[in-house]
N, C-alpha and C. Protein backbone atom coordinates (compact mmCIF):
# COMPACT_ATOMS: atom_id res chain seq x y z
N UNK A 1 0.83 -1.20 0.00
CA UNK A 1 0.00 0.00 0.00
C UNK A 1 0.87 1.25 0.00
N UNK A 2 0.48 2.23 -0.80
CA UNK A 2 1.23 3.47 -0.92
C UNK A 2 0.49 4.61 -0.22
N UNK A 3 1.25 5.57 0.28
CA UNK A 3 0.64 6.72 0.94
C UNK A 3 -0.07 7.63 -0.06
N UNK A 4 0.24 7.50 -1.34
CA UNK A 4 -0.45 8.32 -2.34
C UNK A 4 -1.92 7.91 -2.50
N UNK A 5 -2.29 6.76 -1.99
CA UNK A 5 -3.69 6.30 -2.01
C UNK A 5 -4.32 6.65 -0.67
N UNK A 6 -5.04 7.76 -0.56
CA UNK A 6 -5.56 8.20 0.74
C UNK A 6 -6.59 7.26 1.34
N UNK A 7 -7.19 6.41 0.53
CA UNK A 7 -8.24 5.52 1.02
C UNK A 7 -7.70 4.20 1.57
N UNK A 8 -6.53 3.78 1.07
CA UNK A 8 -5.99 2.47 1.47
C UNK A 8 -4.57 2.55 2.02
N UNK A 9 -4.10 3.74 2.29
CA UNK A 9 -2.72 3.89 2.74
C UNK A 9 -2.57 3.48 4.20
N UNK A 10 -1.33 3.22 4.65
CA UNK A 10 -1.09 3.02 6.09
C UNK A 10 -1.47 4.29 6.85
N UNK A 11 -1.69 4.16 8.12
CA UNK A 11 -2.08 5.32 8.93
C UNK A 11 -0.88 6.16 9.35
N UNK A 12 0.31 5.57 9.32
CA UNK A 12 1.52 6.29 9.71
C UNK A 12 2.74 5.51 9.21
N UNK A 13 3.86 6.15 9.17
CA UNK A 13 5.09 5.47 8.78
C UNK A 13 5.60 4.59 9.92
N UNK A 14 6.30 3.51 9.54
CA UNK A 14 6.80 2.56 10.53
C UNK A 14 8.32 2.67 10.62
N UNK A 15 8.85 3.05 11.76
CA UNK A 15 10.31 3.19 11.89
C UNK A 15 11.01 1.83 11.90
N UNK A 16 12.22 1.83 11.38
CA UNK A 16 13.08 0.65 11.35
C UNK A 16 14.06 0.71 12.52
N UNK A 17 14.16 -0.38 13.28
CA UNK A 17 15.11 -0.43 14.39
C UNK A 17 16.51 -0.73 13.86
N UNK A 18 17.50 -0.01 14.37
CA UNK A 18 18.90 -0.27 14.01
C UNK A 18 19.44 -1.34 14.94
N UNK A 19 19.30 -2.58 14.52
CA UNK A 19 19.77 -3.71 15.32
C UNK A 19 20.03 -4.90 14.43
N UNK A 20 20.65 -5.90 14.99
CA UNK A 20 20.79 -7.17 14.29
C UNK A 20 19.42 -7.85 14.28
N UNK A 21 19.15 -8.68 13.25
CA UNK A 21 17.87 -9.37 13.15
C UNK A 21 18.11 -10.88 13.06
N UNK A 22 18.52 -11.51 14.19
CA UNK A 22 18.83 -12.95 14.15
C UNK A 22 17.63 -13.81 13.80
N UNK A 23 16.42 -13.35 14.12
CA UNK A 23 15.22 -14.12 13.79
C UNK A 23 15.01 -14.19 12.28
N UNK A 24 15.64 -13.26 11.55
CA UNK A 24 15.56 -13.27 10.09
C UNK A 24 16.73 -14.01 9.47
N UNK A 25 17.96 -13.62 9.80
CA UNK A 25 19.10 -14.22 9.10
C UNK A 25 19.47 -15.60 9.63
N UNK A 26 19.10 -15.93 10.87
CA UNK A 26 19.34 -17.25 11.45
C UNK A 26 20.79 -17.72 11.25
N UNK A 27 21.72 -16.78 11.50
CA UNK A 27 23.13 -17.10 11.43
C UNK A 27 23.76 -17.00 10.05
N UNK A 28 22.96 -16.70 9.04
CA UNK A 28 23.48 -16.58 7.68
C UNK A 28 23.85 -15.12 7.37
N UNK A 29 24.64 -14.90 6.33
CA UNK A 29 25.09 -13.54 6.07
C UNK A 29 24.82 -13.05 4.65
N UNK A 30 25.04 -13.85 3.64
CA UNK A 30 24.97 -13.39 2.25
C UNK A 30 23.56 -13.51 1.69
N UNK A 31 22.99 -12.38 1.25
CA UNK A 31 21.62 -12.34 0.74
C UNK A 31 21.66 -11.90 -0.72
N UNK A 32 20.97 -12.63 -1.60
CA UNK A 32 21.08 -12.38 -3.03
C UNK A 32 19.81 -11.85 -3.68
N UNK A 33 19.98 -11.08 -4.74
CA UNK A 33 18.85 -10.56 -5.50
C UNK A 33 19.30 -10.18 -6.91
N UNK A 34 18.34 -10.20 -7.82
CA UNK A 34 18.55 -9.63 -9.16
C UNK A 34 18.06 -8.19 -9.13
N UNK A 35 18.77 -7.30 -9.83
CA UNK A 35 18.43 -5.89 -9.76
C UNK A 35 18.80 -5.17 -11.05
N UNK A 36 18.27 -3.95 -11.17
CA UNK A 36 18.64 -3.03 -12.24
C UNK A 36 19.37 -1.86 -11.60
N UNK A 37 20.63 -1.63 -11.95
CA UNK A 37 21.36 -0.52 -11.33
C UNK A 37 20.87 0.83 -11.84
N UNK A 38 20.90 1.83 -10.98
CA UNK A 38 20.59 3.21 -11.38
C UNK A 38 21.91 3.91 -11.63
N UNK A 39 22.18 4.23 -12.90
CA UNK A 39 23.47 4.81 -13.29
C UNK A 39 23.33 6.16 -13.97
N UNK A 40 22.13 6.71 -13.97
CA UNK A 40 21.87 8.02 -14.58
C UNK A 40 22.30 9.13 -13.62
N UNK A 41 23.31 9.97 -13.97
CA UNK A 41 23.78 11.01 -13.05
C UNK A 41 22.68 11.97 -12.60
N UNK A 42 21.80 12.35 -13.51
CA UNK A 42 20.73 13.29 -13.15
C UNK A 42 19.77 12.66 -12.14
N UNK A 43 19.43 11.39 -12.33
CA UNK A 43 18.53 10.73 -11.39
C UNK A 43 19.22 10.49 -10.06
N UNK A 44 20.49 10.14 -10.06
CA UNK A 44 21.23 9.96 -8.81
C UNK A 44 21.29 11.27 -8.03
N UNK A 45 21.46 12.38 -8.75
CA UNK A 45 21.47 13.69 -8.07
C UNK A 45 20.10 13.99 -7.47
N UNK A 46 19.04 13.63 -8.18
CA UNK A 46 17.69 13.86 -7.67
C UNK A 46 17.43 13.01 -6.43
N UNK A 47 17.88 11.75 -6.45
CA UNK A 47 17.73 10.89 -5.28
C UNK A 47 18.45 11.48 -4.08
N UNK A 48 19.67 11.98 -4.30
CA UNK A 48 20.42 12.60 -3.21
C UNK A 48 19.69 13.82 -2.65
N UNK A 49 19.08 14.62 -3.54
CA UNK A 49 18.33 15.80 -3.10
C UNK A 49 17.10 15.40 -2.29
N UNK A 50 16.38 14.38 -2.75
CA UNK A 50 15.20 13.92 -2.02
C UNK A 50 15.59 13.41 -0.63
N UNK A 51 16.66 12.66 -0.56
CA UNK A 51 17.11 12.16 0.75
C UNK A 51 17.48 13.31 1.68
N UNK A 52 18.05 14.34 1.13
CA UNK A 52 18.41 15.50 1.95
C UNK A 52 17.16 16.17 2.50
N UNK A 53 16.11 16.28 1.68
CA UNK A 53 14.87 16.92 2.13
C UNK A 53 14.17 16.09 3.21
N UNK A 54 14.41 14.80 3.22
CA UNK A 54 13.75 13.90 4.17
C UNK A 54 14.71 13.39 5.24
N UNK A 55 15.82 14.09 5.42
CA UNK A 55 16.87 13.59 6.31
C UNK A 55 16.41 13.43 7.75
N UNK A 56 15.43 14.20 8.19
CA UNK A 56 14.94 14.08 9.56
C UNK A 56 14.06 12.85 9.76
N UNK A 57 13.62 12.24 8.64
CA UNK A 57 12.73 11.08 8.73
C UNK A 57 13.43 9.75 8.43
N UNK A 58 14.52 9.81 7.67
CA UNK A 58 15.12 8.59 7.13
C UNK A 58 16.45 8.24 7.79
N UNK A 59 16.69 6.93 7.91
CA UNK A 59 18.02 6.48 8.28
C UNK A 59 18.98 6.73 7.12
N UNK A 60 20.19 7.20 7.35
CA UNK A 60 21.17 7.33 6.25
C UNK A 60 21.50 5.95 5.70
N UNK A 61 21.58 5.83 4.38
CA UNK A 61 21.98 4.55 3.78
C UNK A 61 22.82 4.83 2.53
N UNK A 62 23.82 5.69 2.71
CA UNK A 62 24.61 6.15 1.57
C UNK A 62 25.40 5.03 0.91
N UNK A 63 25.72 3.96 1.65
CA UNK A 63 26.54 2.90 1.07
C UNK A 63 25.75 1.93 0.21
N UNK A 64 24.45 1.91 0.33
CA UNK A 64 23.62 1.03 -0.49
C UNK A 64 23.33 1.71 -1.82
N UNK A 65 23.88 1.16 -2.91
CA UNK A 65 23.74 1.78 -4.21
C UNK A 65 22.27 1.83 -4.65
N UNK A 66 21.90 2.91 -5.31
CA UNK A 66 20.54 3.05 -5.83
C UNK A 66 20.28 1.97 -6.87
N UNK A 67 19.11 1.33 -6.78
CA UNK A 67 18.80 0.24 -7.69
C UNK A 67 17.30 -0.03 -7.67
N UNK A 68 16.86 -0.82 -8.63
CA UNK A 68 15.49 -1.34 -8.66
C UNK A 68 15.58 -2.84 -8.45
N UNK A 69 15.03 -3.33 -7.36
CA UNK A 69 15.02 -4.77 -7.12
C UNK A 69 14.11 -5.44 -8.15
N UNK A 70 14.59 -6.52 -8.73
CA UNK A 70 13.82 -7.24 -9.74
C UNK A 70 13.27 -8.56 -9.20
N UNK A 71 14.11 -9.32 -8.48
CA UNK A 71 13.72 -10.64 -7.99
C UNK A 71 14.54 -10.93 -6.75
N UNK A 72 13.87 -11.12 -5.60
CA UNK A 72 14.54 -11.38 -4.34
C UNK A 72 14.78 -12.88 -4.21
N UNK A 73 16.06 -13.27 -4.21
CA UNK A 73 16.41 -14.69 -4.22
C UNK A 73 16.44 -15.31 -2.83
N UNK A 74 17.06 -14.64 -1.86
CA UNK A 74 17.14 -15.18 -0.52
C UNK A 74 18.58 -15.36 -0.08
N UNK A 75 18.78 -16.12 0.98
CA UNK A 75 20.11 -16.34 1.55
C UNK A 75 20.89 -17.35 0.71
N UNK A 76 22.06 -16.94 0.27
CA UNK A 76 22.90 -17.78 -0.59
C UNK A 76 23.36 -18.99 0.23
N UNK A 77 23.09 -20.19 -0.29
CA UNK A 77 23.38 -21.41 0.45
C UNK A 77 23.83 -22.50 -0.51
N UNK A 78 24.72 -23.33 -0.03
CA UNK A 78 25.16 -24.46 -0.85
C UNK A 78 24.14 -25.58 -0.88
N UNK A 79 23.21 -25.60 0.10
CA UNK A 79 22.28 -26.72 0.21
C UNK A 79 20.82 -26.32 0.04
N UNK A 80 20.43 -25.21 0.59
CA UNK A 80 19.04 -24.78 0.49
C UNK A 80 18.14 -25.48 1.49
N UNK A 81 18.59 -25.60 2.74
CA UNK A 81 17.82 -26.32 3.75
C UNK A 81 16.64 -25.51 4.29
N UNK A 82 16.79 -24.20 4.42
CA UNK A 82 15.75 -23.37 5.01
C UNK A 82 14.84 -22.79 3.93
N UNK A 83 13.65 -22.34 4.35
CA UNK A 83 12.64 -21.93 3.38
C UNK A 83 13.00 -20.67 2.62
N UNK A 84 13.96 -19.89 3.11
CA UNK A 84 14.40 -18.69 2.38
C UNK A 84 15.85 -18.80 1.92
N UNK A 85 16.33 -20.04 1.77
CA UNK A 85 17.65 -20.28 1.19
C UNK A 85 17.57 -20.22 -0.34
N UNK A 86 18.69 -19.85 -0.94
CA UNK A 86 18.82 -19.80 -2.39
C UNK A 86 20.07 -20.59 -2.74
N UNK A 87 19.90 -21.75 -3.33
CA UNK A 87 21.03 -22.65 -3.55
C UNK A 87 21.89 -22.22 -4.73
N UNK A 88 23.11 -22.69 -4.77
CA UNK A 88 24.00 -22.40 -5.88
C UNK A 88 23.46 -22.98 -7.18
N UNK A 89 22.79 -24.12 -7.10
CA UNK A 89 22.19 -24.72 -8.30
C UNK A 89 21.09 -23.82 -8.86
N UNK A 90 20.26 -23.25 -8.00
CA UNK A 90 19.21 -22.33 -8.47
C UNK A 90 19.84 -21.08 -9.10
N UNK A 91 20.89 -20.57 -8.47
CA UNK A 91 21.57 -19.39 -9.01
C UNK A 91 22.10 -19.67 -10.40
N UNK A 92 22.72 -20.82 -10.60
CA UNK A 92 23.30 -21.15 -11.91
C UNK A 92 22.21 -21.35 -12.96
N UNK A 93 21.09 -21.92 -12.57
CA UNK A 93 19.99 -22.09 -13.53
C UNK A 93 19.43 -20.74 -13.96
N UNK A 94 19.26 -19.83 -13.01
CA UNK A 94 18.77 -18.50 -13.36
C UNK A 94 19.76 -17.77 -14.25
N UNK A 95 21.04 -17.88 -13.94
CA UNK A 95 22.05 -17.20 -14.73
C UNK A 95 22.08 -17.74 -16.16
N UNK A 96 21.97 -19.04 -16.32
CA UNK A 96 21.93 -19.61 -17.67
C UNK A 96 20.68 -19.17 -18.41
N UNK A 97 19.55 -19.12 -17.70
CA UNK A 97 18.28 -18.72 -18.32
C UNK A 97 18.36 -17.31 -18.89
N UNK A 98 18.82 -16.36 -18.08
CA UNK A 98 18.90 -14.98 -18.56
C UNK A 98 20.07 -14.77 -19.50
N UNK A 99 21.15 -15.51 -19.29
CA UNK A 99 22.34 -15.34 -20.13
C UNK A 99 22.11 -15.72 -21.58
N UNK A 100 21.16 -16.64 -21.82
CA UNK A 100 20.89 -17.04 -23.21
C UNK A 100 20.33 -15.89 -24.03
N UNK A 101 19.51 -15.07 -23.42
CA UNK A 101 18.91 -13.93 -24.12
C UNK A 101 18.49 -12.91 -23.06
N UNK A 102 19.43 -12.06 -22.61
CA UNK A 102 19.11 -11.12 -21.53
C UNK A 102 17.95 -10.20 -21.83
N UNK A 103 17.82 -9.79 -23.10
CA UNK A 103 16.75 -8.88 -23.46
C UNK A 103 17.29 -7.53 -23.91
N UNK A 104 16.41 -6.64 -24.31
CA UNK A 104 16.83 -5.35 -24.85
C UNK A 104 17.06 -4.32 -23.75
N UNK A 105 17.79 -3.25 -24.10
CA UNK A 105 17.81 -2.08 -23.24
C UNK A 105 16.38 -1.55 -23.15
N UNK A 106 16.05 -0.90 -22.06
CA UNK A 106 14.69 -0.42 -21.92
C UNK A 106 14.65 0.90 -21.20
N UNK A 107 13.53 1.59 -21.38
CA UNK A 107 13.29 2.87 -20.71
C UNK A 107 12.18 2.69 -19.70
N UNK A 108 12.47 3.05 -18.46
CA UNK A 108 11.49 2.96 -17.39
C UNK A 108 11.04 4.36 -17.00
N UNK A 109 9.78 4.49 -16.61
CA UNK A 109 9.24 5.78 -16.20
C UNK A 109 9.39 5.95 -14.69
N UNK A 110 9.93 7.10 -14.29
CA UNK A 110 10.17 7.39 -12.88
C UNK A 110 9.05 8.29 -12.36
N UNK A 111 8.39 7.85 -11.30
CA UNK A 111 7.29 8.62 -10.74
C UNK A 111 7.73 9.60 -9.66
N UNK A 112 6.77 10.34 -9.13
CA UNK A 112 7.04 11.28 -8.04
C UNK A 112 7.24 10.53 -6.73
N UNK A 113 7.92 11.15 -5.79
CA UNK A 113 8.20 10.52 -4.50
C UNK A 113 6.91 10.04 -3.84
N UNK A 114 6.97 8.82 -3.32
CA UNK A 114 5.83 8.20 -2.65
C UNK A 114 6.38 7.40 -1.47
N UNK A 115 5.57 6.53 -0.90
CA UNK A 115 6.04 5.83 0.29
C UNK A 115 5.26 4.56 0.56
N UNK A 116 5.99 3.52 0.98
CA UNK A 116 5.40 2.39 1.68
C UNK A 116 5.33 2.77 3.16
N UNK A 117 4.81 1.88 3.97
CA UNK A 117 4.77 2.15 5.41
C UNK A 117 6.17 2.29 5.98
N UNK A 118 7.11 1.50 5.46
CA UNK A 118 8.45 1.45 6.06
C UNK A 118 9.50 2.26 5.32
N UNK A 119 9.21 2.71 4.10
CA UNK A 119 10.25 3.32 3.28
C UNK A 119 9.70 4.35 2.32
N UNK A 120 10.45 5.44 2.14
CA UNK A 120 10.16 6.41 1.08
C UNK A 120 10.74 5.88 -0.22
N UNK A 121 10.03 6.09 -1.34
CA UNK A 121 10.43 5.48 -2.60
C UNK A 121 10.17 6.42 -3.78
N UNK A 122 10.74 6.04 -4.93
CA UNK A 122 10.35 6.56 -6.23
C UNK A 122 9.72 5.40 -7.00
N UNK A 123 8.43 5.44 -7.29
CA UNK A 123 7.80 4.35 -8.04
C UNK A 123 8.32 4.30 -9.47
N UNK A 124 8.34 3.11 -10.04
CA UNK A 124 8.82 2.88 -11.39
C UNK A 124 7.73 2.19 -12.20
N UNK A 125 7.52 2.66 -13.42
CA UNK A 125 6.57 2.01 -14.33
C UNK A 125 7.33 1.48 -15.55
N UNK A 126 6.89 0.33 -16.04
CA UNK A 126 7.53 -0.34 -17.17
C UNK A 126 6.50 -0.59 -18.25
N UNK A 127 6.30 0.37 -19.15
CA UNK A 127 5.27 0.20 -20.19
C UNK A 127 5.50 -1.02 -21.09
N UNK A 128 6.76 -1.43 -21.24
CA UNK A 128 7.06 -2.54 -22.13
C UNK A 128 6.73 -3.90 -21.53
N UNK A 129 6.60 -3.98 -20.21
CA UNK A 129 6.35 -5.25 -19.55
C UNK A 129 7.58 -6.12 -19.42
N UNK A 130 8.77 -5.55 -19.67
CA UNK A 130 9.99 -6.35 -19.63
C UNK A 130 10.33 -6.84 -18.22
N UNK A 131 10.05 -6.03 -17.22
CA UNK A 131 10.36 -6.46 -15.86
C UNK A 131 9.58 -7.73 -15.49
N UNK A 132 8.31 -7.75 -15.84
CA UNK A 132 7.50 -8.94 -15.53
C UNK A 132 7.98 -10.14 -16.34
N UNK A 133 8.42 -9.91 -17.56
CA UNK A 133 8.93 -11.01 -18.38
C UNK A 133 10.18 -11.61 -17.73
N UNK A 134 11.09 -10.77 -17.25
CA UNK A 134 12.28 -11.27 -16.55
C UNK A 134 11.87 -12.03 -15.29
N UNK A 135 10.94 -11.47 -14.53
CA UNK A 135 10.52 -12.11 -13.29
C UNK A 135 9.91 -13.49 -13.55
N UNK A 136 9.18 -13.61 -14.63
CA UNK A 136 8.60 -14.89 -14.98
C UNK A 136 9.69 -15.91 -15.28
N UNK A 137 10.69 -15.51 -16.03
CA UNK A 137 11.79 -16.42 -16.36
C UNK A 137 12.57 -16.84 -15.12
N UNK A 138 12.81 -15.89 -14.22
CA UNK A 138 13.53 -16.21 -13.00
C UNK A 138 12.72 -17.12 -12.08
N UNK A 139 11.41 -16.93 -12.04
CA UNK A 139 10.56 -17.72 -11.15
C UNK A 139 10.45 -19.17 -11.58
N UNK A 140 10.84 -19.48 -12.81
CA UNK A 140 10.81 -20.86 -13.27
C UNK A 140 11.91 -21.69 -12.62
N UNK A 141 12.87 -21.04 -11.99
CA UNK A 141 14.01 -21.76 -11.41
C UNK A 141 14.17 -21.54 -9.91
N UNK A 142 13.32 -20.71 -9.31
CA UNK A 142 13.37 -20.47 -7.86
C UNK A 142 12.10 -19.76 -7.44
N UNK A 143 11.72 -19.96 -6.20
CA UNK A 143 10.57 -19.25 -5.63
C UNK A 143 11.06 -17.96 -5.00
N UNK A 144 10.47 -16.84 -5.41
CA UNK A 144 10.92 -15.56 -4.87
C UNK A 144 10.53 -15.42 -3.40
N UNK A 145 11.42 -14.78 -2.63
CA UNK A 145 11.15 -14.46 -1.23
C UNK A 145 10.44 -13.11 -1.20
N UNK A 146 9.14 -13.13 -1.00
CA UNK A 146 8.36 -11.89 -1.09
C UNK A 146 7.16 -11.97 -0.18
N UNK A 147 6.91 -10.86 0.57
CA UNK A 147 5.76 -10.81 1.48
C UNK A 147 4.63 -9.92 0.95
N UNK A 148 4.87 -9.22 -0.14
CA UNK A 148 3.85 -8.34 -0.71
C UNK A 148 3.96 -8.36 -2.22
N UNK A 149 2.92 -7.88 -2.89
CA UNK A 149 2.93 -7.84 -4.35
C UNK A 149 4.09 -6.99 -4.86
N UNK A 150 4.65 -7.40 -5.99
CA UNK A 150 5.79 -6.69 -6.56
C UNK A 150 5.37 -5.33 -7.10
N UNK A 151 6.08 -4.30 -6.68
CA UNK A 151 5.89 -2.95 -7.20
C UNK A 151 7.28 -2.36 -7.40
N UNK A 152 7.73 -2.24 -8.66
CA UNK A 152 9.10 -1.76 -8.89
C UNK A 152 9.28 -0.34 -8.36
N UNK A 153 10.44 -0.10 -7.73
CA UNK A 153 10.68 1.21 -7.12
C UNK A 153 12.17 1.37 -6.82
N UNK A 154 12.54 2.59 -6.55
CA UNK A 154 13.87 2.92 -6.02
C UNK A 154 13.67 3.36 -4.58
N UNK A 155 14.34 2.71 -3.65
CA UNK A 155 14.20 3.07 -2.24
C UNK A 155 15.01 4.32 -1.92
N UNK A 156 14.36 5.30 -1.32
CA UNK A 156 15.06 6.50 -0.87
C UNK A 156 15.62 6.32 0.53
N UNK A 157 14.92 5.56 1.37
CA UNK A 157 15.40 5.30 2.72
C UNK A 157 14.32 4.71 3.59
N UNK A 158 14.75 4.07 4.66
CA UNK A 158 13.84 3.52 5.66
C UNK A 158 13.62 4.55 6.76
N UNK A 159 12.42 4.54 7.31
CA UNK A 159 12.07 5.56 8.31
C UNK A 159 12.73 5.29 9.66
N UNK A 160 13.12 6.38 10.30
CA UNK A 160 13.67 6.26 11.65
C UNK A 160 12.70 6.79 12.70
N UNK A 161 11.60 7.37 12.27
CA UNK A 161 10.56 7.76 13.21
C UNK A 161 9.20 7.70 12.53
N UNK A 162 8.17 7.66 13.35
CA UNK A 162 6.81 7.54 12.83
C UNK A 162 6.24 8.93 12.53
N UNK A 163 5.47 8.99 11.45
CA UNK A 163 4.80 10.24 11.07
C UNK A 163 3.39 9.89 10.59
N UNK A 164 2.37 10.63 11.02
CA UNK A 164 1.00 10.36 10.54
C UNK A 164 0.91 10.49 9.02
N UNK A 165 0.00 9.75 8.44
CA UNK A 165 -0.13 9.68 6.98
C UNK A 165 -0.31 11.05 6.35
N UNK A 166 -1.19 11.87 6.90
CA UNK A 166 -1.47 13.17 6.29
C UNK A 166 -0.23 14.05 6.28
N UNK A 167 0.53 14.05 7.37
CA UNK A 167 1.76 14.84 7.42
C UNK A 167 2.78 14.33 6.41
N UNK A 168 2.87 13.02 6.28
CA UNK A 168 3.83 12.46 5.34
C UNK A 168 3.44 12.78 3.90
N UNK A 169 2.15 12.72 3.59
CA UNK A 169 1.72 13.08 2.24
C UNK A 169 2.05 14.54 1.94
N UNK A 170 1.91 15.41 2.92
CA UNK A 170 2.25 16.82 2.72
C UNK A 170 3.74 16.99 2.46
N UNK A 171 4.56 16.26 3.20
CA UNK A 171 6.01 16.34 2.99
C UNK A 171 6.38 15.86 1.58
N UNK A 172 5.80 14.78 1.15
CA UNK A 172 6.12 14.23 -0.17
C UNK A 172 5.61 15.14 -1.29
N UNK A 173 4.43 15.72 -1.10
CA UNK A 173 3.86 16.60 -2.12
C UNK A 173 4.69 17.85 -2.30
N UNK A 174 5.42 18.25 -1.27
CA UNK A 174 6.24 19.46 -1.35
C UNK A 174 7.52 19.24 -2.15
N UNK A 175 7.83 18.00 -2.47
CA UNK A 175 9.07 17.69 -3.19
C UNK A 175 8.81 17.76 -4.69
N UNK A 176 8.71 18.97 -5.21
CA UNK A 176 8.30 19.17 -6.59
C UNK A 176 9.46 19.48 -7.53
N UNK A 177 10.70 19.38 -7.05
CA UNK A 177 11.83 19.66 -7.95
C UNK A 177 11.75 18.74 -9.15
N UNK A 178 12.04 19.29 -10.33
CA UNK A 178 11.97 18.50 -11.56
C UNK A 178 12.93 17.33 -11.48
N UNK A 179 12.46 16.17 -11.91
CA UNK A 179 13.26 14.95 -11.87
C UNK A 179 13.28 14.31 -13.25
N UNK A 180 14.31 13.55 -13.56
CA UNK A 180 14.30 12.80 -14.82
C UNK A 180 13.09 11.87 -14.86
N UNK A 181 12.37 11.89 -15.95
CA UNK A 181 11.16 11.08 -16.04
C UNK A 181 11.41 9.71 -16.65
N UNK A 182 12.57 9.53 -17.28
CA UNK A 182 12.92 8.25 -17.87
C UNK A 182 14.26 7.77 -17.35
N UNK A 183 14.34 6.48 -17.09
CA UNK A 183 15.59 5.84 -16.69
C UNK A 183 15.96 4.82 -17.75
N UNK A 184 17.12 5.00 -18.38
CA UNK A 184 17.60 4.05 -19.36
C UNK A 184 18.35 2.93 -18.63
N UNK A 185 17.95 1.69 -18.90
CA UNK A 185 18.56 0.53 -18.25
C UNK A 185 19.32 -0.27 -19.30
N UNK A 186 20.61 -0.48 -19.03
CA UNK A 186 21.47 -1.19 -19.98
C UNK A 186 22.12 -2.43 -19.38
N UNK A 187 21.89 -2.67 -18.08
CA UNK A 187 22.47 -3.84 -17.43
C UNK A 187 21.46 -4.50 -16.50
N UNK A 188 21.60 -5.78 -16.37
CA UNK A 188 20.84 -6.58 -15.41
C UNK A 188 21.87 -7.26 -14.52
N UNK A 189 21.75 -7.14 -13.20
CA UNK A 189 22.80 -7.61 -12.30
C UNK A 189 22.25 -8.56 -11.24
N UNK A 190 23.10 -9.52 -10.88
CA UNK A 190 22.86 -10.32 -9.68
C UNK A 190 23.85 -9.85 -8.63
N UNK A 191 23.37 -9.51 -7.44
CA UNK A 191 24.22 -8.96 -6.40
C UNK A 191 23.86 -9.58 -5.05
N UNK A 192 24.79 -9.43 -4.10
CA UNK A 192 24.53 -9.87 -2.74
C UNK A 192 24.87 -8.73 -1.78
N UNK A 193 24.35 -8.83 -0.56
CA UNK A 193 24.74 -7.91 0.50
C UNK A 193 24.80 -8.68 1.82
N UNK A 194 25.49 -8.09 2.79
CA UNK A 194 25.64 -8.71 4.09
C UNK A 194 24.38 -8.47 4.91
N UNK A 195 23.65 -9.52 5.21
CA UNK A 195 22.37 -9.39 5.91
C UNK A 195 22.54 -8.92 7.35
N UNK A 196 23.74 -8.99 7.88
CA UNK A 196 23.98 -8.54 9.25
C UNK A 196 24.43 -7.09 9.30
N UNK A 197 24.46 -6.45 8.15
CA UNK A 197 24.93 -5.07 8.07
C UNK A 197 23.82 -4.22 7.43
N UNK A 198 23.06 -3.50 8.24
CA UNK A 198 21.98 -2.67 7.70
C UNK A 198 22.53 -1.61 6.76
N UNK A 199 21.93 -1.49 5.59
CA UNK A 199 22.28 -0.49 4.59
C UNK A 199 23.69 -0.70 4.03
N UNK A 200 24.25 -1.89 4.18
CA UNK A 200 25.58 -2.15 3.63
C UNK A 200 25.56 -2.18 2.11
N UNK A 201 26.73 -2.06 1.48
CA UNK A 201 26.79 -1.97 0.01
C UNK A 201 26.42 -3.28 -0.68
N UNK A 202 25.95 -3.13 -1.90
CA UNK A 202 25.70 -4.28 -2.76
C UNK A 202 27.02 -4.71 -3.41
N UNK A 203 27.21 -6.01 -3.50
CA UNK A 203 28.38 -6.54 -4.20
C UNK A 203 27.90 -7.26 -5.46
N UNK A 204 28.23 -6.72 -6.62
CA UNK A 204 27.77 -7.28 -7.89
C UNK A 204 28.55 -8.55 -8.19
N UNK A 205 27.81 -9.65 -8.40
CA UNK A 205 28.44 -10.94 -8.68
C UNK A 205 28.39 -11.28 -10.17
N UNK A 206 27.31 -10.90 -10.83
CA UNK A 206 27.18 -11.14 -12.27
C UNK A 206 26.50 -9.92 -12.89
N UNK A 207 26.93 -9.57 -14.08
CA UNK A 207 26.34 -8.44 -14.79
C UNK A 207 26.08 -8.84 -16.24
N UNK A 208 24.84 -8.69 -16.69
CA UNK A 208 24.46 -9.03 -18.06
C UNK A 208 24.17 -7.75 -18.82
N UNK A 209 24.86 -7.55 -19.92
CA UNK A 209 24.64 -6.37 -20.74
C UNK A 209 23.43 -6.59 -21.63
N UNK A 210 22.53 -5.63 -21.65
CA UNK A 210 21.32 -5.74 -22.44
C UNK A 210 21.57 -5.31 -23.88
N UNK A 211 20.77 -5.86 -24.79
CA UNK A 211 20.97 -5.58 -26.21
C UNK A 211 20.34 -4.29 -26.65
N UNK A 212 20.44 -4.01 -27.95
CA UNK A 212 19.88 -2.77 -28.51
C UNK A 212 18.39 -2.91 -28.69
């Protein structure tokens, strides 16, 4: 649910605790996902500006590179014993699947600043349907780790304090600085991050160049 929907939005933002989450990682560290990197200088500058305007609400996460999550794989594992493990065999099958025909470069539409309950975001629209096509191909070789319906976005930051919905909508509506409306995507990446390190950097493991 997004705060831009006044009828179905959360009632307030939900702050994120800065702590270890052993109930989630269960002793594991490497977490994997497929993503689209954000490499447009103008859009990166806009993201930095938005984060600055919301600095009193958001946890700093400067080390986490801007990206659009495509498919959440789970904890990288050699065996896949737990329900959110992602085995090396699954990773190799997905890599072979996309590597045969990664797909074309594409243009994504960047929306105005919005918010989930836990995070401020920039919504992304894909008129071509390419994101869903990739997700379908990836899902043939692994079950995605997901608790809510997929909505492509760029995360601006997680909240560090609670704010009522109406106040948050006012803050977001005030962010009217012109932003790039299109994002050109030329790479598809598989990356991991340290699950015990909040906002830690992404480490790119595989990068597929998209065609013309």
